[in-house]
Amino acid sequence: MSHSPEHRPSSSTAPRPPHRDVSDLFSGGRLAVIPRKVARREQLLAHLTDTLFAADREYTEPEVNDALRTVHEDCAALRRYLITSGRLVRTRDGRAYRRAATTL
């Protein structure tokens, strides 16, 4: 009896990340450059969100900056991209940051 590939069980318990590998953007553990192309930058932002920020934790701006500086010196640009992409949300007063709830 052969198994059809269409009937493989899907892993619905763990959603598959919608982004491809971003390791080529890094050199020695540091981000070499922030991608200009929006789609590639979104892949990077998804990676940074997943690896640097816990889903159930609130962060201060200095904590966000410190986390982002572990990969690139321009933490302000990365923080801004994370906010405008909707991956991080911040309180109105700017004192607290949190990962956005994922919709995918």
PDB file of N, CA and C in Angstrom:
ATOM      1  N   MET A   1       0.831  -1.177   0.000  1.00  0.00           N
ATOM      2  CA  MET A   1       0.000   0.000   0.000  1.00  0.00           C
ATOM      3  C   MET A   1       0.878   1.245   0.000  1.00  0.00           C
ATOM      4  N   SER A   2       0.665   2.140  -0.925  1.00  0.00           N
ATOM      5  CA  SER A   2       1.488   3.345  -0.978  1.00  0.00           C
ATOM      6  C   SER A   2       0.764   4.497  -0.292  1.00  0.00           C
ATOM      7  N   HIS A   3       1.560   5.400   0.244  1.00  0.00           N
ATOM      8  CA  HIS A   3       1.002   6.560   0.931  1.00  0.00           C
ATOM      9  C   HIS A   3       1.074   7.756   0.003  1.00  0.00           C
ATOM     10  N   SER A   4      -0.028   8.403  -0.161  1.00  0.00           N
ATOM     11  CA  SER A   4      -0.079   9.586  -1.008  1.00  0.00           C
ATOM     12  C   SER A   4       0.474  10.780  -0.233  1.00  0.00           C
ATOM     13  N   PRO A   5       1.288  11.612  -0.876  1.00  0.00           N
ATOM     14  CA  PRO A   5       1.841  12.776  -0.172  1.00  0.00           C
ATOM     15  C   PRO A   5       0.760  13.763   0.260  1.00  0.00           C
ATOM     16  N   GLU A   6      -0.419  13.696  -0.387  1.00  0.00           N
ATOM     17  CA  GLU A   6      -1.484  14.616  -0.012  1.00  0.00           C
ATOM     18  C   GLU A   6      -2.087  14.283   1.345  1.00  0.00           C
ATOM     19  N   HIS A   7      -1.851  13.081   1.835  1.00  0.00           N
ATOM     20  CA  HIS A   7      -2.443  12.663   3.098  1.00  0.00           C
ATOM     21  C   HIS A   7      -1.452  12.624   4.251  1.00  0.00           C
ATOM     22  N   ARG A   8      -0.359  13.328   4.089  1.00  0.00           N
ATOM     23  CA  ARG A   8       0.586  13.407   5.197  1.00  0.00           C
ATOM     24  C   ARG A   8      -0.016  14.230   6.311  1.00  0.00           C
ATOM     25  N   PRO A   9       0.200  13.814   7.541  1.00  0.00           N
ATOM     26  CA  PRO A   9      -0.349  14.603   8.642  1.00  0.00           C
ATOM     27  C   PRO A   9       0.358  15.952   8.730  1.00  0.00           C
ATOM     28  N   SER A  10      -0.424  16.977   8.939  1.00  0.00           N
ATOM     29  CA  SER A  10       0.179  18.306   9.074  1.00  0.00           C
ATOM     30  C   SER A  10       0.431  18.577  10.548  1.00  0.00           C
ATOM     31  N   SER A  11       1.433  19.376  10.812  1.00  0.00           N
ATOM     32  CA  SER A  11       1.729  19.702  12.212  1.00  0.00           C
ATOM     33  C   SER A  11       0.979  20.981  12.559  1.00  0.00           C
ATOM     34  N   SER A  12      -0.287  20.847  12.876  1.00  0.00           N
ATOM     35  CA  SER A  12      -1.105  22.006  13.185  1.00  0.00           C
ATOM     36  C   SER A  12      -0.826  22.544  14.581  1.00  0.00           C
ATOM     37  N   THR A  13      -0.078  21.803  15.389  1.00  0.00           N
ATOM     38  CA  THR A  13       0.215  22.279  16.740  1.00  0.00           C
ATOM     39  C   THR A  13       1.299  23.347  16.740  1.00  0.00           C
ATOM     40  N   ALA A  14       2.195  23.315  15.774  1.00  0.00           N
ATOM     41  CA  ALA A  14       3.252  24.313  15.686  1.00  0.00           C
ATOM     42  C   ALA A  14       3.211  24.971  14.316  1.00  0.00           C
ATOM     43  N   PRO A  15       2.779  26.239  14.245  1.00  0.00           N
ATOM     44  CA  PRO A  15       2.718  26.901  12.943  1.00  0.00           C
ATOM     45  C   PRO A  15       4.107  27.065  12.339  1.00  0.00           C
ATOM     46  N   ARG A  16       4.174  26.856  11.058  1.00  0.00           N
ATOM     47  CA  ARG A  16       5.439  26.984  10.355  1.00  0.00           C
ATOM     48  C   ARG A  16       5.742  28.454  10.125  1.00  0.00           C
ATOM     49  N   PRO A  17       6.956  28.905  10.405  1.00  0.00           N
ATOM     50  CA  PRO A  17       7.273  30.316  10.185  1.00  0.00           C
ATOM     51  C   PRO A  17       7.171  30.663   8.709  1.00  0.00           C
ATOM     52  N   PRO A  18       6.584  31.823   8.374  1.00  0.00           N
ATOM     53  CA  PRO A  18       6.399  32.196   6.984  1.00  0.00           C
ATOM     54  C   PRO A  18       7.643  32.813   6.352  1.00  0.00           C
ATOM     55  N   HIS A  19       8.771  32.763   7.018  1.00  0.00           N
ATOM     56  CA  HIS A  19       9.961  33.400   6.487  1.00  0.00           C
ATOM     57  C   HIS A  19      11.067  32.391   6.223  1.00  0.00           C
ATOM     58  N   ARG A  20      11.909  32.716   5.266  1.00  0.00           N
ATOM     59  CA  ARG A  20      13.013  31.825   4.950  1.00  0.00           C
ATOM     60  C   ARG A  20      14.221  32.155   5.811  1.00  0.00           C
ATOM     61  N   ASP A  21      15.227  31.352   5.693  1.00  0.00           N
ATOM     62  CA  ASP A  21      16.443  31.509   6.472  1.00  0.00           C
ATOM     63  C   ASP A  21      17.085  32.878   6.209  1.00  0.00           C
ATOM     64  N   VAL A  22      17.508  33.535   7.273  1.00  0.00           N
ATOM     65  CA  VAL A  22      18.139  34.852   7.146  1.00  0.00           C
ATOM     66  C   VAL A  22      19.609  34.811   7.533  1.00  0.00           C
ATOM     67  N   SER A  23      20.166  33.623   7.674  1.00  0.00           N
ATOM     68  CA  SER A  23      21.557  33.505   8.132  1.00  0.00           C
ATOM     69  C   SER A  23      22.540  34.212   7.199  1.00  0.00           C
ATOM     70  N   ASP A  24      22.202  34.342   5.921  1.00  0.00           N
ATOM     71  CA  ASP A  24      23.101  35.024   4.988  1.00  0.00           C
ATOM     72  C   ASP A  24      23.202  36.526   5.265  1.00  0.00           C
ATOM     73  N   LEU A  25      22.307  37.070   6.085  1.00  0.00           N
ATOM     74  CA  LEU A  25      22.358  38.487   6.447  1.00  0.00           C
ATOM     75  C   LEU A  25      23.311  38.754   7.609  1.00  0.00           C
ATOM     76  N   PHE A  26      23.795  37.682   8.231  1.00  0.00           N
ATOM     77  CA  PHE A  26      24.637  37.802   9.413  1.00  0.00           C
ATOM     78  C   PHE A  26      26.073  37.380   9.122  1.00  0.00           C
ATOM     79  N   SER A  27      26.989  38.000   9.830  1.00  0.00           N
ATOM     80  CA  SER A  27      28.398  37.632   9.756  1.00  0.00           C
ATOM     81  C   SER A  27      28.951  37.681  11.174  1.00  0.00           C
ATOM     82  N   GLY A  28      29.437  36.547  11.662  1.00  0.00           N
ATOM     83  CA  GLY A  28      29.958  36.489  13.021  1.00  0.00           C
ATOM     84  C   GLY A  28      28.908  36.795  14.068  1.00  0.00           C
ATOM     85  N   GLY A  29      27.657  36.417  13.808  1.00  0.00           N
ATOM     86  CA  GLY A  29      26.586  36.663  14.766  1.00  0.00           C
ATOM     87  C   GLY A  29      26.012  38.067  14.729  1.00  0.00           C
ATOM     88  N   ARG A  30      26.540  38.903  13.862  1.00  0.00           N
ATOM     89  CA  ARG A  30      26.084  40.288  13.744  1.00  0.00           C
ATOM     90  C   ARG A  30      25.409  40.497  12.398  1.00  0.00           C
ATOM     91  N   LEU A  31      24.390  41.329  12.401  1.00  0.00           N
ATOM     92  CA  LEU A  31      23.693  41.677  11.172  1.00  0.00           C
ATOM     93  C   LEU A  31      24.616  42.541  10.327  1.00  0.00           C
ATOM     94  N   ALA A  32      24.924  42.081   9.113  1.00  0.00           N
ATOM     95  CA  ALA A  32      25.847  42.814   8.247  1.00  0.00           C
ATOM     96  C   ALA A  32      25.204  44.081   7.696  1.00  0.00           C
ATOM     97  N   VAL A  33      23.951  43.987   7.313  1.00  0.00           N
ATOM     98  CA  VAL A  33      23.237  45.134   6.748  1.00  0.00           C
ATOM     99  C   VAL A  33      21.737  44.916   6.933  1.00  0.00           C
ATOM    100  N   ILE A  34      21.017  46.012   7.128  1.00  0.00           N
ATOM    101  CA  ILE A  34      19.559  45.947   7.193  1.00  0.00           C
ATOM    102  C   ILE A  34      19.063  45.954   5.747  1.00  0.00           C
ATOM    103  N   PRO A  35      18.346  44.918   5.335  1.00  0.00           N
ATOM    104  CA  PRO A  35      17.918  44.840   3.933  1.00  0.00           C
ATOM    105  C   PRO A  35      17.044  46.014   3.511  1.00  0.00           C
ATOM    106  N   ARG A  36      17.255  46.493   2.278  1.00  0.00           N
ATOM    107  CA  ARG A  36      16.437  47.574   1.730  1.00  0.00           C
ATOM    108  C   ARG A  36      15.111  47.052   1.190  1.00  0.00           C
ATOM    109  N   LYS A  37      15.153  45.844   0.622  1.00  0.00           N
ATOM    110  CA  LYS A  37      13.923  45.273   0.056  1.00  0.00           C
ATOM    111  C   LYS A  37      12.968  44.924   1.196  1.00  0.00           C
ATOM    112  N   VAL A  38      11.743  45.388   1.062  1.00  0.00           N
ATOM    113  CA  VAL A  38      10.757  45.235   2.131  1.00  0.00           C
ATOM    114  C   VAL A  38      10.523  43.768   2.486  1.00  0.00           C
ATOM    115  N   ALA A  39      10.367  42.910   1.491  1.00  0.00           N
ATOM    116  CA  ALA A  39      10.075  41.496   1.766  1.00  0.00           C
ATOM    117  C   ALA A  39      11.214  40.844   2.548  1.00  0.00           C
ATOM    118  N   ARG A  40      12.440  41.137   2.167  1.00  0.00           N
ATOM    119  CA  ARG A  40      13.596  40.547   2.866  1.00  0.00           C
ATOM    120  C   ARG A  40      13.717  41.131   4.271  1.00  0.00           C
ATOM    121  N   ARG A  41      13.448  42.435   4.401  1.00  0.00           N
ATOM    122  CA  ARG A  41      13.498  43.074   5.720  1.00  0.00           C
ATOM    123  C   ARG A  41      12.428  42.470   6.633  1.00  0.00           C
ATOM    124  N   GLU A  42      11.248  42.178   6.094  1.00  0.00           N
ATOM    125  CA  GLU A  42      10.189  41.545   6.883  1.00  0.00           C
ATOM    126  C   GLU A  42      10.632  40.173   7.382  1.00  0.00           C
ATOM    127  N   GLN A  43      11.365  39.440   6.557  1.00  0.00           N
ATOM    128  CA  GLN A  43      11.890  38.142   6.985  1.00  0.00           C
ATOM    129  C   GLN A  43      12.852  38.331   8.148  1.00  0.00           C
ATOM    130  N   LEU A  44      13.710  39.340   8.042  1.00  0.00           N
ATOM    131  CA  LEU A  44      14.644  39.642   9.123  1.00  0.00           C
ATOM    132  C   LEU A  44      13.896  40.038  10.391  1.00  0.00           C
ATOM    133  N   LEU A  45      12.891  40.897  10.267  1.00  0.00           N
ATOM    134  CA  LEU A  45      12.144  41.356  11.436  1.00  0.00           C
ATOM    135  C   LEU A  45      11.426  40.197  12.118  1.00  0.00           C
ATOM    136  N   ALA A  46      10.893  39.274  11.335  1.00  0.00           N
ATOM    137  CA  ALA A  46      10.252  38.083  11.912  1.00  0.00           C
ATOM    138  C   ALA A  46      11.278  37.280  12.697  1.00  0.00           C
ATOM    139  N   HIS A  47      12.468  37.132  12.137  1.00  0.00           N
ATOM    140  CA  HIS A  47      13.543  36.397  12.820  1.00  0.00           C
ATOM    141  C   HIS A  47      13.930  37.102  14.129  1.00  0.00           C
ATOM    142  N   LEU A  48      14.132  38.402  14.067  1.00  0.00           N
ATOM    143  CA  LEU A  48      14.522  39.149  15.270  1.00  0.00           C
ATOM    144  C   LEU A  48      13.446  39.070  16.345  1.00  0.00           C
ATOM    145  N   THR A  49      12.197  39.192  15.934  1.00  0.00           N
ATOM    146  CA  THR A  49      11.102  39.099  16.896  1.00  0.00           C
ATOM    147  C   THR A  49      11.092  37.734  17.573  1.00  0.00           C
ATOM    148  N   ASP A  50      11.234  36.687  16.768  1.00  0.00           N
ATOM    149  CA  ASP A  50      11.201  35.316  17.301  1.00  0.00           C
ATOM    150  C   ASP A  50      12.383  35.006  18.210  1.00  0.00           C
ATOM    151  N   THR A  51      13.541  35.557  17.891  1.00  0.00           N
ATOM    152  CA  THR A  51      14.741  35.184  18.638  1.00  0.00           C
ATOM    153  C   THR A  51      15.105  36.127  19.778  1.00  0.00           C
ATOM    154  N   LEU A  52      14.661  37.368  19.730  1.00  0.00           N
ATOM    155  CA  LEU A  52      15.078  38.340  20.746  1.00  0.00           C
ATOM    156  C   LEU A  52      14.012  38.697  21.779  1.00  0.00           C
ATOM    157  N   PHE A  53      12.733  38.451  21.447  1.00  0.00           N
ATOM    158  CA  PHE A  53      11.668  38.931  22.325  1.00  0.00           C
ATOM    159  C   PHE A  53      10.687  37.816  22.684  1.00  0.00           C
ATOM    160  N   ALA A  54      10.505  37.614  23.982  1.00  0.00           N
ATOM    161  CA  ALA A  54       9.555  36.601  24.460  1.00  0.00           C
ATOM    162  C   ALA A  54       8.129  37.110  24.235  1.00  0.00           C
ATOM    163  N   ALA A  55       7.241  36.194  23.906  1.00  0.00           N
ATOM    164  CA  ALA A  55       5.859  36.561  23.600  1.00  0.00           C
ATOM    165  C   ALA A  55       5.093  37.046  24.828  1.00  0.00           C
ATOM    166  N   ASP A  56       5.476  36.606  25.993  1.00  0.00           N
ATOM    167  CA  ASP A  56       4.697  36.916  27.196  1.00  0.00           C
ATOM    168  C   ASP A  56       5.392  37.906  28.126  1.00  0.00           C
ATOM    169  N   ARG A  57       6.215  38.768  27.574  1.00  0.00           N
ATOM    170  CA  ARG A  57       6.984  39.681  28.411  1.00  0.00           C
ATOM    171  C   ARG A  57       6.874  41.109  27.916  1.00  0.00           C
ATOM    172  N   GLU A  58       6.907  42.052  28.839  1.00  0.00           N
ATOM    173  CA  GLU A  58       6.938  43.470  28.521  1.00  0.00           C
ATOM    174  C   GLU A  58       8.377  43.948  28.636  1.00  0.00           C
ATOM    175  N   TYR A  59       8.789  44.851  27.754  1.00  0.00           N
ATOM    176  CA  TYR A  59      10.161  45.367  27.724  1.00  0.00           C
ATOM    177  C   TYR A  59      10.149  46.883  27.819  1.00  0.00           C
ATOM    178  N   THR A  60      11.182  47.429  28.459  1.00  0.00           N
ATOM    179  CA  THR A  60      11.382  48.875  28.439  1.00  0.00           C
ATOM    180  C   THR A  60      12.149  49.214  27.163  1.00  0.00           C
ATOM    181  N   GLU A  61      12.173  50.482  26.791  1.00  0.00           N
ATOM    182  CA  GLU A  61      12.918  50.871  25.589  1.00  0.00           C
ATOM    183  C   GLU A  61      14.399  50.525  25.715  1.00  0.00           C
ATOM    184  N   PRO A  62      15.047  50.785  26.860  1.00  0.00           N
ATOM    185  CA  PRO A  62      16.453  50.375  26.968  1.00  0.00           C
ATOM    186  C   PRO A  62      16.657  48.863  26.799  1.00  0.00           C
ATOM    187  N   GLU A  63      15.716  48.066  27.276  1.00  0.00           N
ATOM    188  CA  GLU A  63      15.827  46.608  27.101  1.00  0.00           C
ATOM    189  C   GLU A  63      15.697  46.216  25.630  1.00  0.00           C
ATOM    190  N   VAL A  64      14.763  46.866  24.918  1.00  0.00           N
ATOM    191  CA  VAL A  64      14.609  46.608  23.479  1.00  0.00           C
ATOM    192  C   VAL A  64      15.895  46.999  22.763  1.00  0.00           C
ATOM    193  N   ASN A  65      16.420  48.185  23.087  1.00  0.00           N
ATOM    194  CA  ASN A  65      17.664  48.649  22.456  1.00  0.00           C
ATOM    195  C   ASN A  65      18.822  47.697  22.729  1.00  0.00           C
ATOM    196  N   ASP A  66      18.966  47.265  23.969  1.00  0.00           N
ATOM    197  CA  ASP A  66      20.050  46.337  24.319  1.00  0.00           C
ATOM    198  C   ASP A  66      19.936  45.030  23.547  1.00  0.00           C
ATOM    199  N   ALA A  67      18.723  44.507  23.419  1.00  0.00           N
ATOM    200  CA  ALA A  67      18.517  43.264  22.671  1.00  0.00           C
ATOM    201  C   ALA A  67      18.891  43.460  21.205  1.00  0.00           C
ATOM    202  N   LEU A  68      18.457  44.567  20.614  1.00  0.00           N
ATOM    203  CA  LEU A  68      18.750  44.821  19.204  1.00  0.00           C
ATOM    204  C   LEU A  68      20.233  45.097  18.968  1.00  0.00           C
ATOM    205  N   ARG A  69      20.898  45.738  19.934  1.00  0.00           N
ATOM    206  CA  ARG A  69      22.342  45.996  19.796  1.00  0.00           C
ATOM    207  C   ARG A  69      23.169  44.714  19.783  1.00  0.00           C
ATOM    208  N   THR A  70      22.602  43.609  20.247  1.00  0.00           N
ATOM    209  CA  THR A  70      23.353  42.351  20.187  1.00  0.00           C
ATOM    210  C   THR A  70      23.565  41.904  18.750  1.00  0.00           C
ATOM    211  N   VAL A  71      22.754  42.448  17.823  1.00  0.00           N
ATOM    212  CA  VAL A  71      22.908  42.059  16.415  1.00  0.00           C
ATOM    213  C   VAL A  71      23.310  43.210  15.503  1.00  0.00           C
ATOM    214  N   HIS A  72      23.018  44.472  15.899  1.00  0.00           N
ATOM    215  CA  HIS A  72      23.340  45.613  15.022  1.00  0.00           C
ATOM    216  C   HIS A  72      23.375  46.893  15.841  1.00  0.00           C
ATOM    217  N   GLU A  73      24.295  47.792  15.507  1.00  0.00           N
ATOM    218  CA  GLU A  73      24.435  49.040  16.268  1.00  0.00           C
ATOM    219  C   GLU A  73      23.263  50.001  16.091  1.00  0.00           C
ATOM    220  N   ASP A  74      22.602  49.976  14.935  1.00  0.00           N
ATOM    221  CA  ASP A  74      21.499  50.909  14.697  1.00  0.00           C
ATOM    222  C   ASP A  74      20.201  50.347  15.288  1.00  0.00           C
ATOM    223  N   CYS A  75      20.161  50.306  16.617  1.00  0.00           N
ATOM    224  CA  CYS A  75      18.993  49.749  17.297  1.00  0.00           C
ATOM    225  C   CYS A  75      17.758  50.617  17.074  1.00  0.00           C
ATOM    226  N   ALA A  76      17.937  51.921  16.897  1.00  0.00           N
ATOM    227  CA  ALA A  76      16.785  52.805  16.688  1.00  0.00           C
ATOM    228  C   ALA A  76      16.070  52.468  15.382  1.00  0.00           C
ATOM    229  N   ALA A  77      16.828  52.236  14.326  1.00  0.00           N
ATOM    230  CA  ALA A  77      16.215  51.882  13.033  1.00  0.00           C
ATOM    231  C   ALA A  77      15.498  50.542  13.142  1.00  0.00           C
ATOM    232  N   LEU A  78      16.148  49.557  13.746  1.00  0.00           N
ATOM    233  CA  LEU A  78      15.519  48.242  13.888  1.00  0.00           C
ATOM    234  C   LEU A  78      14.263  48.331  14.744  1.00  0.00           C
ATOM    235  N   ARG A  79      14.312  49.094  15.828  1.00  0.00           N
ATOM    236  CA  ARG A  79      13.147  49.256  16.701  1.00  0.00           C
ATOM    237  C   ARG A  79      11.995  49.911  15.930  1.00  0.00           C
ATOM    238  N   ARG A  80      12.320  50.937  15.157  1.00  0.00           N
ATOM    239  CA  ARG A  80      11.310  51.620  14.351  1.00  0.00           C
ATOM    240  C   ARG A  80      10.677  50.664  13.339  1.00  0.00           C
ATOM    241  N   TYR A  81      11.515  49.868  12.662  1.00  0.00           N
ATOM    242  CA  TYR A  81      10.990  48.884  11.703  1.00  0.00           C
ATOM    243  C   TYR A  81      10.083  47.865  12.400  1.00  0.00           C
ATOM    244  N   LEU A  82      10.475  47.413  13.580  1.00  0.00           N
ATOM    245  CA  LEU A  82       9.651  46.448  14.314  1.00  0.00           C
ATOM    246  C   LEU A  82       8.296  47.041  14.698  1.00  0.00           C
ATOM    247  N   ILE A  83       8.280  48.318  15.058  1.00  0.00           N
ATOM    248  CA  ILE A  83       7.034  48.997  15.419  1.00  0.00           C
ATOM    249  C   ILE A  83       6.165  49.207  14.181  1.00  0.00           C
ATOM    250  N   THR A  84       6.750  49.765  13.118  1.00  0.00           N
ATOM    251  CA  THR A  84       5.942  50.060  11.923  1.00  0.00           C
ATOM    252  C   THR A  84       5.454  48.794  11.225  1.00  0.00           C
ATOM    253  N   SER A  85       6.189  47.685  11.387  1.00  0.00           N
ATOM    254  CA  SER A  85       5.744  46.431  10.781  1.00  0.00           C
ATOM    255  C   SER A  85       4.664  45.753  11.628  1.00  0.00           C
ATOM    256  N   GLY A  86       4.454  46.261  12.843  1.00  0.00           N
ATOM    257  CA  GLY A  86       3.440  45.683  13.721  1.00  0.00           C
ATOM    258  C   GLY A  86       3.927  44.483  14.511  1.00  0.00           C
ATOM    259  N   ARG A  87       5.211  44.209  14.482  1.00  0.00           N
ATOM    260  CA  ARG A  87       5.751  43.056  15.219  1.00  0.00           C
ATOM    261  C   ARG A  87       5.940  43.377  16.696  1.00  0.00           C
ATOM    262  N   LEU A  88       6.265  44.626  17.002  1.00  0.00           N
ATOM    263  CA  LEU A  88       6.309  45.087  18.390  1.00  0.00           C
ATOM    264  C   LEU A  88       5.275  46.195  18.529  1.00  0.00           C
ATOM    265  N   VAL A  89       4.616  46.230  19.657  1.00  0.00           N
ATOM    266  CA  VAL A  89       3.695  47.323  19.955  1.00  0.00           C
ATOM    267  C   VAL A  89       4.218  48.045  21.191  1.00  0.00           C
ATOM    268  N   ARG A  90       3.943  49.334  21.246  1.00  0.00           N
ATOM    269  CA  ARG A  90       4.400  50.099  22.406  1.00  0.00           C
ATOM    270  C   ARG A  90       3.234  50.859  22.991  1.00  0.00           C
ATOM    271  N   THR A  91       3.322  51.094  24.271  1.00  0.00           N
ATOM    272  CA  THR A  91       2.257  51.841  24.946  1.00  0.00           C
ATOM    273  C   THR A  91       2.269  53.279  24.443  1.00  0.00           C
ATOM    274  N   ARG A  92       1.164  53.970  24.644  1.00  0.00           N
ATOM    275  CA  ARG A  92       1.046  55.355  24.170  1.00  0.00           C
ATOM    276  C   ARG A  92       2.150  56.249  24.728  1.00  0.00           C
ATOM    277  N   ASP A  93       2.520  55.999  25.981  1.00  0.00           N
ATOM    278  CA  ASP A  93       3.565  56.836  26.596  1.00  0.00           C
ATOM    279  C   ASP A  93       4.975  56.389  26.201  1.00  0.00           C
ATOM    280  N   GLY A  94       5.097  55.291  25.452  1.00  0.00           N
ATOM    281  CA  GLY A  94       6.395  54.828  24.975  1.00  0.00           C
ATOM    282  C   GLY A  94       7.251  54.135  26.013  1.00  0.00           C
ATOM    283  N   ARG A  95       6.695  53.856  27.176  1.00  0.00           N
ATOM    284  CA  ARG A  95       7.485  53.248  28.251  1.00  0.00           C
ATOM    285  C   ARG A  95       7.602  51.739  28.167  1.00  0.00           C
ATOM    286  N   ALA A  96       6.661  51.089  27.496  1.00  0.00           N
ATOM    287  CA  ALA A  96       6.672  49.628  27.459  1.00  0.00           C
ATOM    288  C   ALA A  96       6.446  49.111  26.047  1.00  0.00           C
ATOM    289  N   TYR A  97       7.166  48.044  25.735  1.00  0.00           N
ATOM    290  CA  TYR A  97       7.069  47.375  24.438  1.00  0.00           C
ATOM    291  C   TYR A  97       6.713  45.920  24.679  1.00  0.00           C
ATOM    292  N   ARG A  98       6.005  45.339  23.716  1.00  0.00           N
ATOM    293  CA  ARG A  98       5.593  43.946  23.806  1.00  0.00           C
ATOM    294  C   ARG A  98       5.482  43.400  22.398  1.00  0.00           C
ATOM    295  N   ARG A  99       5.730  42.104  22.264  1.00  0.00           N
ATOM    296  CA  ARG A  99       5.494  41.444  20.974  1.00  0.00           C
ATOM    297  C   ARG A  99       4.020  41.513  20.658  1.00  0.00           C
ATOM    298  N   ALA A 100       3.715  41.775  19.407  1.00  0.00           N
ATOM    299  CA  ALA A 100       2.318  41.796  18.978  1.00  0.00           C
ATOM    300  C   ALA A 100       1.801  40.361  18.938  1.00  0.00           C
ATOM    301  N   ALA A 101       0.511  40.211  19.150  1.00  0.00           N
ATOM    302  CA  ALA A 101      -0.101  38.892  19.016  1.00  0.00           C
ATOM    303  C   ALA A 101      -0.029  38.486  17.552  1.00  0.00           C
ATOM    304  N   THR A 102       0.391  37.243  17.300  1.00  0.00           N
ATOM    305  CA  THR A 102       0.517  36.793  15.927  1.00  0.00           C
ATOM    306  C   THR A 102      -0.847  36.427  15.361  1.00  0.00           C
ATOM    307  N   THR A 103      -1.029  36.745  14.089  1.00  0.00           N
ATOM    308  CA  THR A 103      -2.287  36.437  13.435  1.00  0.00           C
ATOM    309  C   THR A 103      -2.126  35.329  12.416  1.00  0.00           C
ATOM    310  N   LEU A 104      -0.900  34.913  12.138  1.00  0.00           N
ATOM    311  CA  LEU A 104      -0.668  33.843  11.152  1.00  0.00           C
ATOM    312  C   LEU A 104      -0.474  32.532  11.813  1.00  0.00           C
TER     313      LEU A 104
END
